[in-house]
Amino acid sequence: MTGLLGWIPLVLGGRALAGPVDLAGFGAPAMARAGGGVALLDGAQGVFRNPALLQDMRASQLAVGGWLLRGDLDPVPAVWWDTNRDGLVDDDDAPLEIDIQPDPADAVGVALGRPIGGRFGLAFAATLPVRRMLRIQTFEPSLPTYFFLDNRAQRFDMTLGFGWEQLRGISVGGSVQVIARARFTLDTTLDVTLRGATEQDEELGALVSELRLDPHAMELDIVPGLAPVAGLHWEVGELIPALDGLAIAGNYRGSTGLPIDVDVDLQANLDVRDIGEMEPLGTTVLVPLHLAVFDHYLPARWSFGAGWTSPDRFRAFVDLHHTRYAPMQISVAHVVDTEVQSQLLSLPDPGVDDGNEVAAVLRNTWSTRAGGEVFLPRWEPGRGIGWLQGVVRAGLGYEPTPLVSQGATSALLDADRLVVAGGLGVAHGDPFDLVEGPVSWDAHVQVHLLGEGSLPVDATAYRPGAPVDGGGVPIGGTLWSAGAQWSIDY
């Protein structure tokens, strides 16, 4: 029965924080700036960063793109584990090799926006991982795990928002960021029939004459989880002409996540026969089990930014983000409630200990982004496209780790990240003269450098999760992203 229940969290499958947009940004122009630009207009693509700019779209816009996301993390040592599943950890167990490399997270993105009346704008944007729509996966806290990275980009992310210019140069906006929530229910029966021993029986397992597992019903509900976003944008030059080109912006995003309530109703039927002079005996053991899992946590965040724009020459920006990680629930399955009932035995409070206890302390963090764009001289070659203009983009970012400390029995891995990004773009007129234009082609590259270090762990021999060769667990490595996007104003 323990073995069966132990598989349930693995089947449910998360080690995730936020999603691909928080990790890398949305849209090739912003991703080439390290995901920054709270005060910069990027058309419909800006709905993820600050919906208060949507009313400044010059025309309806469609943007479609795709990108790769890969990781190369420092390998971790093999650890002690009950790999032969005999209930003991000893020299008979082969060391457990752990693959901590995050799965590829290739994705496509689409954004669609439309200005209305010159002072109002609407936009929708979404990312869709091409390998899977959503992955939910709990983890074993005693094994080395990059719990912020492993599952982070393995889900869809979408938002719908609006922007409205209330006063001259001052606009507000709002949006809703959508992720998924789930509830899982499993009803199953395990039938075990025991018979009396004979002279030919050499093992205890020979006494089991019948073993049958009958899952009756399984139910998984996926419903939306909503995180509200409110934004503000101020074109300072509208009030102070000497500061023409300066913009100040801010927004707030509420928290949400993917709480999963797992209800398992296990009925074990035991049938005992041919045991000496003992009458045949049948009994039932009922074990209802309630597990709590919390995945894909989207933390509350305050964002502040300033940008300076010189039309057709350059744009520069600096962003500051305050992210509330302290209330985060780590994606580990916890036993919330259980009891054991049968005709022979009733244990309403069986005293079952939670084997996945995690004592991790997380802090709220301040992170930053800075960078800009330089526009190349406009060229008008004619030949059906009218004009061409290139742009060079670059950005830097710094993300400190929220992980302050943890208990001796867990091996959660994380490190500060330095984000370096760059990209190129070119815009031109519509060669078919079907739309107002421009038509834009943009590409980006991002590299995330994790701070090098080592996690000291209890290396006691045969302790589950302890490195076989002793010592600590190395931390470090890189993540990288590259992609391209096409957009058109119409």
Protein backbone atom coordinates (compact mmCIF):
# COMPACT_ATOMS: atom_id res chain seq x y z
CA MET A 1 0.00 0.00 0.00
CA THR A 2 2.85 2.42 0.81
CA GLY A 3 4.44 1.74 -2.56
CA LEU A 4 1.19 2.44 -4.37
CA LEU A 5 0.55 5.73 -2.57
CA GLY A 6 4.14 6.77 -3.09
CA TRP A 7 3.60 6.89 -6.83
CA ILE A 8 0.66 9.28 -6.64
CA PRO A 9 2.67 12.54 -6.35
CA LEU A 10 4.90 11.40 -9.22
CA VAL A 11 1.94 10.73 -11.45
CA LEU A 12 0.45 14.11 -10.65
CA GLY A 13 3.63 15.59 -11.34
CA GLY A 14 6.03 20.77 -10.12
CA ARG A 15 8.96 22.65 -9.35
CA ALA A 16 7.90 25.90 -10.77
CA LEU A 17 7.92 29.56 -10.20
CA ALA A 18 5.90 31.96 -12.33
CA GLY A 19 6.27 31.15 -16.04
CA PRO A 20 8.18 31.76 -19.25
CA VAL A 21 7.23 35.45 -19.38
CA ASP A 22 8.71 36.17 -15.93
CA LEU A 23 11.80 34.17 -16.78
CA ALA A 24 12.63 35.55 -20.23
CA GLY A 25 10.04 38.20 -21.15
CA PHE A 26 7.56 38.36 -24.01
CA GLY A 27 8.15 39.51 -27.57
CA ALA A 28 11.54 39.64 -29.29
CA PRO A 29 12.08 43.42 -28.71
CA ALA A 30 11.58 43.11 -24.94
CA MET A 31 13.48 39.81 -24.70
CA ALA A 32 16.43 41.48 -26.47
CA ARG A 33 16.34 44.05 -23.63
CA ALA A 34 16.56 41.27 -20.99
CA GLY A 35 12.80 41.36 -20.55
CA GLY A 36 12.76 45.01 -19.45
CA GLY A 37 10.97 48.18 -20.51
CA VAL A 38 8.09 48.92 -18.14
CA ALA A 39 7.93 52.49 -19.49
CA LEU A 40 8.58 51.67 -23.19
CA LEU A 41 5.89 51.13 -25.80
CA ASP A 42 6.08 47.82 -27.69
CA GLY A 43 2.56 47.76 -29.07
CA ALA A 44 0.34 44.80 -28.24
CA GLN A 45 3.33 42.84 -26.91
CA GLY A 46 3.57 45.22 -23.93
CA VAL A 47 0.37 43.91 -22.35
CA PHE A 48 2.45 41.50 -20.20
CA ARG A 49 4.72 44.30 -18.87
CA ASN A 50 2.45 47.33 -18.53
CA PRO A 51 -1.08 47.50 -19.99
CA ALA A 52 -1.18 51.27 -19.37
CA LEU A 53 0.70 51.83 -22.67
CA LEU A 54 -1.79 50.04 -24.93
CA GLN A 55 -3.68 53.17 -25.88
CA ASP A 56 -0.49 54.49 -27.58
CA MET A 57 -0.61 51.87 -30.35
CA ARG A 58 -0.54 53.65 -33.72
CA ALA A 59 -2.62 50.96 -35.47
CA SER A 60 -3.97 47.49 -34.99
CA GLN A 61 -1.09 45.05 -34.60
CA LEU A 62 -0.43 41.34 -34.99
CA ALA A 63 2.80 39.78 -33.75
CA VAL A 64 3.82 36.11 -34.03
CA GLY A 65 7.10 34.62 -32.86
CA GLY A 66 8.91 31.65 -31.43
CA TRP A 67 11.93 30.96 -29.27
CA LEU A 68 14.10 28.28 -27.73
CA LEU A 69 14.89 28.01 -24.02
CA ARG A 70 17.68 25.68 -22.86
CA GLY A 71 19.77 25.07 -19.76
CA ASP A 72 23.27 23.81 -19.00
CA LEU A 73 23.62 23.49 -15.22
CA ASP A 74 26.61 22.16 -13.31
CA PRO A 75 26.09 18.41 -12.73
CA VAL A 76 25.40 17.21 -9.19
CA PRO A 77 26.99 14.13 -7.57
CA ALA A 78 25.33 10.73 -7.24
CA VAL A 79 23.55 10.21 -3.90
CA TRP A 80 22.58 7.40 -1.57
CA TRP A 81 19.05 6.08 -2.21
CA ASP A 82 17.01 2.92 -1.87
CA THR A 83 17.49 2.15 -5.57
CA ASN A 84 16.79 -1.59 -5.23
CA ARG A 85 13.60 -0.82 -3.24
CA ASP A 86 14.24 -3.31 -0.44
CA GLY A 87 13.48 -0.83 2.33
CA LEU A 88 17.17 -0.35 3.23
CA VAL A 89 19.89 2.03 2.10
CA ASP A 90 23.20 0.19 2.06
CA ASP A 91 26.03 -0.98 -0.21
CA ASP A 92 23.58 -3.13 -2.17
CA ASP A 93 22.00 0.04 -3.57
CA ALA A 94 23.53 1.50 -6.72
CA PRO A 95 24.11 5.27 -6.35
CA LEU A 96 21.24 7.35 -7.67
CA GLU A 97 22.28 9.50 -10.64
CA ILE A 98 20.32 12.77 -10.77
CA ASP A 99 19.70 14.74 -13.95
CA ILE A 100 19.11 18.36 -12.90
CA GLN A 101 19.12 19.80 -16.44
CA PRO A 102 15.83 21.62 -17.16
CA ASP A 103 13.82 20.25 -20.05
CA PRO A 104 13.82 22.29 -23.29
CA ALA A 105 11.04 24.83 -23.30
CA ASP A 106 10.53 25.86 -26.91
CA ALA A 107 7.48 28.07 -27.31
CA VAL A 108 5.46 30.17 -29.71
CA GLY A 109 3.90 33.50 -28.85
CA VAL A 110 1.16 35.61 -30.34
CA ALA A 111 -0.06 39.13 -29.57
CA LEU A 112 -3.01 40.98 -31.03
CA GLY A 113 -3.92 44.59 -30.23
CA ARG A 114 -6.16 47.39 -31.41
CA PRO A 115 -6.40 51.10 -30.54
CA ILE A 116 -9.89 52.54 -30.15
CA GLY A 117 -10.59 56.23 -30.59
CA GLY A 118 -7.02 57.37 -30.00
CA ARG A 119 -7.29 57.19 -26.19
CA PHE A 120 -8.09 53.53 -25.57
CA GLY A 121 -6.42 50.25 -26.53
CA LEU A 122 -7.05 46.52 -26.12
CA ALA A 123 -4.60 43.64 -26.46
CA PHE A 124 -4.33 39.90 -26.01
CA ALA A 125 -1.08 37.95 -25.77
CA ALA A 126 -0.19 34.33 -25.09
CA THR A 127 2.74 31.93 -25.01
CA LEU A 128 2.33 28.24 -25.73
CA PRO A 129 5.12 25.70 -25.08
CA VAL A 130 5.29 23.43 -28.13
CA ARG A 131 6.25 20.27 -26.18
CA ARG A 132 3.44 20.41 -23.61
CA MET A 133 0.60 22.70 -22.59
CA LEU A 134 1.14 22.23 -18.88
CA ARG A 135 3.30 20.06 -16.65
CA ILE A 136 2.57 19.46 -12.97
CA GLN A 137 5.32 17.62 -11.10
CA THR A 138 6.15 17.49 -7.42
CA PHE A 139 9.70 16.76 -6.28
CA GLU A 140 11.53 14.99 -3.48
CA PRO A 141 13.08 17.76 -1.31
CA SER A 142 16.00 15.63 -0.07
CA LEU A 143 17.35 15.25 -3.63
CA PRO A 144 19.24 18.17 -5.30
CA THR A 145 16.68 20.24 -7.18
CA TYR A 146 16.62 23.64 -8.92
CA PHE A 147 13.08 24.17 -7.72
CA PHE A 148 12.75 27.63 -9.35
CA LEU A 149 13.81 26.50 -12.82
CA ASP A 150 12.84 22.90 -13.49
CA ASN A 151 9.16 23.39 -14.29
CA ARG A 152 9.03 27.14 -14.66
CA ALA A 153 8.65 27.46 -18.42
CA GLN A 154 6.58 24.31 -18.89
CA ARG A 155 3.16 25.89 -19.11
CA PHE A 156 1.09 28.26 -21.18
CA ASP A 157 0.77 31.90 -20.14
CA MET A 158 -1.76 34.42 -21.42
CA THR A 159 -3.17 37.83 -20.58
CA LEU A 160 -5.88 40.21 -21.76
CA GLY A 161 -5.65 43.92 -20.98
CA PHE A 162 -6.57 47.50 -21.79
CA GLY A 163 -5.00 50.95 -21.61
CA TRP A 164 -6.80 54.30 -21.29
CA GLU A 165 -5.47 57.85 -21.39
CA GLN A 166 -7.48 59.64 -18.73
CA LEU A 167 -5.62 62.95 -18.77
CA ARG A 168 -3.15 64.36 -21.25
CA GLY A 169 0.04 62.31 -20.92
CA ILE A 170 -1.33 60.15 -18.06
CA SER A 171 -2.76 56.72 -18.76
CA VAL A 172 -3.92 53.78 -16.71
CA GLY A 173 -4.40 50.17 -17.63
CA GLY A 174 -5.46 46.80 -16.34
CA SER A 175 -5.14 43.18 -17.34
CA VAL A 176 -5.68 39.66 -16.13
CA GLN A 177 -2.89 37.08 -16.31
CA VAL A 178 -4.24 33.55 -16.59
CA ILE A 179 -2.70 30.26 -15.46
CA ALA A 180 -4.32 26.92 -14.54
CA ARG A 181 -5.57 25.32 -11.34
CA ALA A 182 -6.36 21.64 -10.81
CA ARG A 183 -8.08 19.08 -8.59
CA PHE A 184 -7.36 15.34 -8.80
CA THR A 185 -9.44 12.50 -7.38
CA LEU A 186 -8.64 8.76 -7.44
CA ASP A 187 -10.83 5.91 -6.15
CA THR A 188 -9.25 2.46 -6.24
CA THR A 189 -9.57 -0.99 -4.66
CA LEU A 190 -6.73 -3.43 -3.86
CA ASP A 191 -7.78 -7.10 -3.42
CA VAL A 192 -5.32 -9.45 -1.66
CA THR A 193 -6.03 -13.17 -1.11
CA LEU A 194 -3.82 -15.19 1.29
CA ARG A 195 -3.76 -19.00 1.61
CA GLY A 196 -2.07 -21.40 4.00
CA ALA A 197 1.57 -22.43 3.58
CA THR A 198 2.68 -25.80 2.16
CA GLU A 199 6.00 -27.64 2.19
CA GLN A 200 6.77 -26.35 -1.30
CA ASP A 201 6.47 -22.69 -0.24
CA GLU A 202 9.91 -21.15 0.25
CA GLU A 203 9.03 -17.45 0.18
CA LEU A 204 6.42 -15.35 1.95
CA GLY A 205 5.19 -14.05 -1.39
CA ALA A 206 4.01 -17.57 -2.28
CA LEU A 207 1.20 -17.20 0.26
CA VAL A 208 -0.44 -14.54 -1.91
CA SER A 209 -2.70 -16.43 -4.29
CA GLU A 210 -4.38 -13.39 -5.81
CA LEU A 211 -3.52 -9.69 -6.07
CA ARG A 212 -5.77 -7.35 -8.01
CA LEU A 213 -5.80 -3.56 -8.32
CA ASP A 214 -9.04 -2.01 -9.57
CA PRO A 215 -9.07 1.79 -10.15
CA HIS A 216 -12.76 2.76 -10.15
CA ALA A 217 -12.69 6.44 -10.99
CA MET A 218 -10.15 9.14 -11.69
CA GLU A 219 -11.00 12.79 -12.16
CA LEU A 220 -8.82 15.80 -13.03
CA ASP A 221 -10.32 19.28 -13.28
CA ILE A 222 -8.36 22.18 -14.79
CA VAL A 223 -9.79 25.65 -14.13
CA PRO A 224 -8.31 29.12 -14.66
CA GLY A 225 -6.33 30.95 -12.01
CA LEU A 226 -6.33 34.74 -12.42
CA ALA A 227 -3.73 37.32 -11.38
CA PRO A 228 -4.99 40.93 -11.73
CA VAL A 229 -2.60 43.60 -13.03
CA ALA A 230 -2.98 47.39 -12.70
CA GLY A 231 -0.63 49.84 -14.46
CA LEU A 232 0.15 53.57 -14.65
CA HIS A 233 2.14 55.52 -17.28
CA TRP A 234 3.09 59.22 -17.34
CA GLU A 235 4.61 61.09 -20.28
CA VAL A 236 6.46 63.72 -18.24
CA GLY A 237 7.14 65.93 -21.28
CA GLU A 238 3.44 66.63 -21.68
CA LEU A 239 3.57 68.62 -18.44
CA ILE A 240 7.24 69.71 -18.43
CA PRO A 241 8.39 70.40 -22.02
CA ALA A 242 12.05 70.46 -20.99
CA LEU A 243 11.74 66.76 -20.12
CA ASP A 244 10.16 65.79 -23.42
CA GLY A 245 10.92 62.11 -24.04
CA LEU A 246 10.92 61.06 -20.37
CA ALA A 247 8.29 58.55 -19.23
CA ILE A 248 7.67 57.10 -15.77
CA ALA A 249 5.60 53.97 -15.22
CA GLY A 250 4.62 51.42 -12.63
CA ASN A 251 2.33 48.46 -12.17
CA TYR A 252 1.19 45.91 -9.62
CA ARG A 253 0.45 42.24 -10.25
CA GLY A 254 -1.43 40.14 -7.73
CA SER A 255 -0.38 36.63 -6.78
CA THR A 256 -1.91 33.36 -7.84
CA GLY A 257 -0.82 29.78 -8.35
CA LEU A 258 -1.88 26.26 -9.08
CA PRO A 259 -3.15 24.64 -5.88
CA ILE A 260 -3.94 20.97 -6.37
CA ASP A 261 -6.13 19.08 -3.92
CA VAL A 262 -5.52 15.35 -4.27
CA ASP A 263 -8.13 13.05 -2.75
CA VAL A 264 -7.27 9.34 -2.81
CA ASP A 265 -9.87 6.84 -1.59
CA LEU A 266 -8.04 3.49 -1.23
CA GLN A 267 -9.96 0.35 -0.25
CA ALA A 268 -7.85 -2.76 0.50
CA ASN A 269 -9.79 -6.05 0.71
CA LEU A 270 -7.97 -8.92 2.49
CA ASP A 271 -9.22 -12.50 2.07
CA VAL A 272 -7.52 -15.18 4.25
CA ARG A 273 -8.14 -18.90 3.47
CA ASP A 274 -6.78 -22.35 4.39
CA ILE A 275 -4.86 -21.18 7.47
CA GLY A 276 -4.92 -24.33 9.70
CA GLU A 277 -8.25 -24.71 11.45
CA MET A 278 -8.94 -20.97 11.23
CA GLU A 279 -12.22 -20.01 9.64
CA PRO A 280 -11.94 -18.06 6.36
CA LEU A 281 -11.58 -14.38 7.16
CA GLY A 282 -12.37 -11.38 5.06
CA THR A 283 -11.73 -7.81 6.10
CA THR A 284 -11.55 -4.40 4.48
CA VAL A 285 -9.20 -1.54 5.20
CA LEU A 286 -10.25 1.95 4.08
CA VAL A 287 -7.52 4.57 3.75
CA PRO A 288 -8.83 7.96 2.54
CA LEU A 289 -5.88 10.25 1.93
CA HIS A 290 -5.80 14.00 1.28
CA LEU A 291 -2.64 15.45 -0.30
CA ALA A 292 -1.96 19.15 -0.87
CA VAL A 293 0.26 20.25 -3.77
CA PHE A 294 0.99 23.83 -4.85
CA ASP A 295 2.57 24.38 -8.26
CA HIS A 296 3.38 27.23 -10.65
CA TYR A 297 3.37 29.92 -7.98
CA LEU A 298 2.99 33.39 -9.49
CA PRO A 299 4.20 35.87 -6.84
CA ALA A 300 2.81 39.35 -6.26
CA ARG A 301 5.10 41.98 -7.80
CA TRP A 302 5.53 45.75 -7.88
CA SER A 303 7.32 47.12 -10.97
CA PHE A 304 8.69 50.62 -11.49
CA GLY A 305 10.38 51.99 -14.59
CA ALA A 306 11.65 55.07 -16.34
CA GLY A 307 12.37 55.46 -20.04
CA TRP A 308 13.80 58.12 -22.34
CA THR A 309 12.87 58.22 -26.01
CA SER A 310 14.49 60.26 -28.78
CA PRO A 311 12.33 59.53 -31.85
CA ASP A 312 14.16 57.59 -34.59
CA ARG A 313 17.42 57.81 -32.60
CA PHE A 314 17.39 55.81 -29.37
CA ARG A 315 15.40 54.60 -26.36
CA ALA A 316 16.84 53.84 -22.91
CA PHE A 317 15.23 52.45 -19.79
CA VAL A 318 15.76 51.22 -16.25
CA ASP A 319 13.33 49.00 -14.31
CA LEU A 320 13.07 47.96 -10.68
CA HIS A 321 10.96 45.02 -9.49
CA HIS A 322 9.93 44.09 -5.96
CA THR A 323 8.74 40.48 -5.89
CA ARG A 324 7.04 38.92 -2.86
CA TYR A 325 8.48 35.41 -2.66
CA ALA A 326 8.18 35.11 1.13
CA PRO A 327 4.61 33.66 1.09
CA MET A 328 5.49 31.14 -1.63
CA GLN A 329 4.36 27.54 -1.18
CA ILE A 330 7.03 25.18 -2.48
CA SER A 331 5.82 22.49 -4.86
CA VAL A 332 6.06 19.47 -2.57
CA ALA A 333 3.22 17.03 -1.90
CA HIS A 334 2.13 17.14 1.76
CA VAL A 335 -0.15 14.74 3.62
CA VAL A 336 -2.90 16.93 5.04
CA ASP A 337 -5.36 14.38 6.41
CA THR A 338 -5.74 10.60 6.57
CA GLU A 339 -7.33 7.84 8.68
CA VAL A 340 -7.42 4.04 8.73
CA GLN A 341 -10.70 2.15 9.13
CA SER A 342 -11.58 -1.57 9.02
CA GLN A 343 -13.82 -4.12 10.72
CA LEU A 344 -10.91 -5.19 12.93
CA LEU A 345 -9.19 -1.87 13.43
CA SER A 346 -10.13 1.80 13.64
CA LEU A 347 -7.45 4.46 13.84
CA PRO A 348 -9.11 7.88 13.32
CA ASP A 349 -5.81 9.51 14.26
CA PRO A 350 -3.11 7.12 13.03
CA GLY A 351 -0.33 9.63 13.60
CA VAL A 352 1.01 9.56 10.02
CA ASP A 353 4.04 11.82 9.71
CA ASP A 354 4.56 13.92 6.58
CA GLY A 355 7.71 12.53 4.97
CA ASN A 356 8.19 15.62 2.75
CA GLU A 357 8.61 18.28 5.40
CA VAL A 358 10.55 21.25 4.01
CA ALA A 359 11.95 23.99 6.26
CA ALA A 360 12.89 26.61 3.66
CA VAL A 361 13.00 30.36 4.32
CA LEU A 362 12.32 32.64 1.35
CA ARG A 363 12.66 36.42 1.20
CA ASN A 364 11.15 39.16 -0.92
CA THR A 365 13.61 40.44 -3.53
CA TRP A 366 14.53 43.57 -5.51
CA SER A 367 15.67 42.91 -9.07
CA THR A 368 16.61 45.29 -11.88
CA ARG A 369 16.73 45.60 -15.66
CA ALA A 370 18.44 48.27 -17.77
CA GLY A 371 19.22 48.73 -21.45
CA GLY A 372 18.01 50.38 -24.59
CA GLU A 373 17.74 50.55 -28.37
CA VAL A 374 19.63 52.47 -31.06
CA PHE A 375 17.85 53.13 -34.35
CA LEU A 376 19.95 53.08 -37.52
CA PRO A 377 19.48 55.74 -40.22
CA ARG A 378 16.35 55.27 -42.28
CA TRP A 379 16.97 54.08 -45.83
CA GLU A 380 14.55 54.53 -48.72
CA PRO A 381 15.59 52.18 -51.53
CA GLY A 382 12.20 52.14 -53.20
CA ARG A 383 11.77 48.82 -55.05
CA GLY A 384 8.35 48.21 -53.64
CA ILE A 385 9.12 48.35 -49.90
CA GLY A 386 9.38 52.14 -49.59
CA TRP A 387 11.83 52.30 -46.69
CA LEU A 388 13.99 50.30 -44.29
CA GLN A 389 15.19 51.00 -40.76
CA GLY A 390 17.26 48.79 -38.50
CA VAL A 391 17.51 48.76 -34.72
CA VAL A 392 20.08 47.34 -32.29
CA ARG A 393 18.92 46.33 -28.80
CA ALA A 394 20.71 45.29 -25.59
CA GLY A 395 19.89 44.80 -21.92
CA LEU A 396 21.22 43.63 -18.58
CA GLY A 397 19.37 42.22 -15.61
CA TYR A 398 20.08 41.02 -12.10
CA GLU A 399 17.87 38.57 -10.18
CA PRO A 400 18.91 37.73 -6.60
CA THR A 401 17.85 34.39 -5.20
CA PRO A 402 14.97 34.46 -2.70
CA LEU A 403 16.25 31.31 -0.95
CA VAL A 404 17.75 32.36 2.40
CA SER A 405 18.08 29.04 4.26
CA GLN A 406 16.66 25.53 4.47
CA GLY A 407 16.55 22.50 6.72
CA ALA A 408 19.22 19.84 6.94
CA THR A 409 17.08 17.23 5.17
CA SER A 410 16.45 19.21 1.96
CA ALA A 411 18.71 20.07 -0.99
CA LEU A 412 17.00 22.98 -2.73
CA LEU A 413 19.33 24.66 -5.24
CA ASP A 414 19.18 28.26 -6.45
CA ALA A 415 21.56 31.15 -7.16
CA ASP A 416 21.65 34.80 -8.16
CA ARG A 417 21.24 35.29 -11.92
CA LEU A 418 22.88 37.81 -14.26
CA VAL A 419 20.91 38.24 -17.49
CA VAL A 420 22.72 39.45 -20.63
CA ALA A 421 20.65 40.04 -23.77
CA GLY A 422 20.84 41.55 -27.22
CA GLY A 423 19.05 41.58 -30.54
CA LEU A 424 18.56 43.08 -33.98
CA GLY A 425 15.49 44.24 -35.82
CA VAL A 426 14.45 45.72 -39.13
CA ALA A 427 11.22 47.47 -40.07
CA HIS A 428 10.02 48.32 -43.57
CA GLY A 429 6.96 49.33 -45.49
CA ASP A 430 4.47 46.80 -46.81
CA PRO A 431 5.79 45.66 -50.24
CA PHE A 432 2.25 44.75 -51.34
CA ASP A 433 0.73 48.02 -50.17
CA LEU A 434 -2.06 46.14 -48.40
CA VAL A 435 -1.67 47.62 -44.92
CA GLU A 436 -0.39 50.80 -43.34
CA GLY A 437 2.67 49.05 -41.90
CA PRO A 438 5.34 48.89 -40.80
CA VAL A 439 6.29 45.25 -41.15
CA SER A 440 8.91 44.31 -38.53
CA TRP A 441 11.34 41.41 -38.16
CA ASP A 442 13.11 41.03 -34.82
CA ALA A 443 15.50 38.52 -33.25
CA HIS A 444 16.91 38.14 -29.74
CA VAL A 445 19.45 36.18 -27.70
CA GLN A 446 19.51 35.88 -23.90
CA VAL A 447 22.05 34.29 -21.55
CA HIS A 448 21.32 33.76 -17.83
CA LEU A 449 24.47 33.22 -15.78
CA LEU A 450 23.89 31.51 -12.42
CA GLY A 451 26.21 32.43 -9.59
CA GLU A 452 28.75 29.70 -8.81
CA GLY A 453 28.68 28.15 -5.36
CA SER A 454 28.17 24.99 -3.33
CA LEU A 455 25.39 23.80 -1.05
CA PRO A 456 26.78 22.17 2.13
CA VAL A 457 24.76 19.08 2.99
CA ASP A 458 24.81 16.34 5.60
CA ALA A 459 27.07 13.74 3.95
CA THR A 460 26.44 10.98 6.49
CA ALA A 461 26.94 7.65 4.76
CA TYR A 462 23.72 5.87 3.71
CA ARG A 463 21.57 8.89 4.53
CA PRO A 464 19.01 9.14 1.69
CA GLY A 465 20.01 12.07 -0.52
CA ALA A 466 23.59 12.35 0.83
CA PRO A 467 26.36 12.48 -1.82
CA VAL A 468 28.03 9.08 -2.11
CA ASP A 469 31.49 10.66 -2.36
CA GLY A 470 30.85 13.17 0.44
CA GLY A 471 31.24 16.94 0.12
CA GLY A 472 28.66 19.50 -0.98
CA VAL A 473 26.46 19.95 -4.05
CA PRO A 474 27.81 22.35 -6.73
CA ILE A 475 25.60 25.22 -7.89
CA GLY A 476 25.95 27.13 -11.17
CA GLY A 477 25.49 27.00 -14.92
CA THR A 478 23.71 28.90 -17.66
CA LEU A 479 20.33 29.24 -19.30
CA TRP A 480 19.94 30.65 -22.79
CA SER A 481 17.15 31.70 -25.07
CA ALA A 482 17.05 32.67 -28.75
CA GLY A 483 14.17 33.45 -31.05
CA ALA A 484 12.59 35.60 -33.73
CA GLN A 485 9.33 37.44 -34.31
CA TRP A 486 7.32 38.92 -37.15
CA SER A 487 4.81 41.72 -36.63
CA ILE A 488 2.66 43.99 -38.75
CA ASP A 489 0.61 47.11 -38.14
CA TYR A 490 -2.59 47.21 -40.12
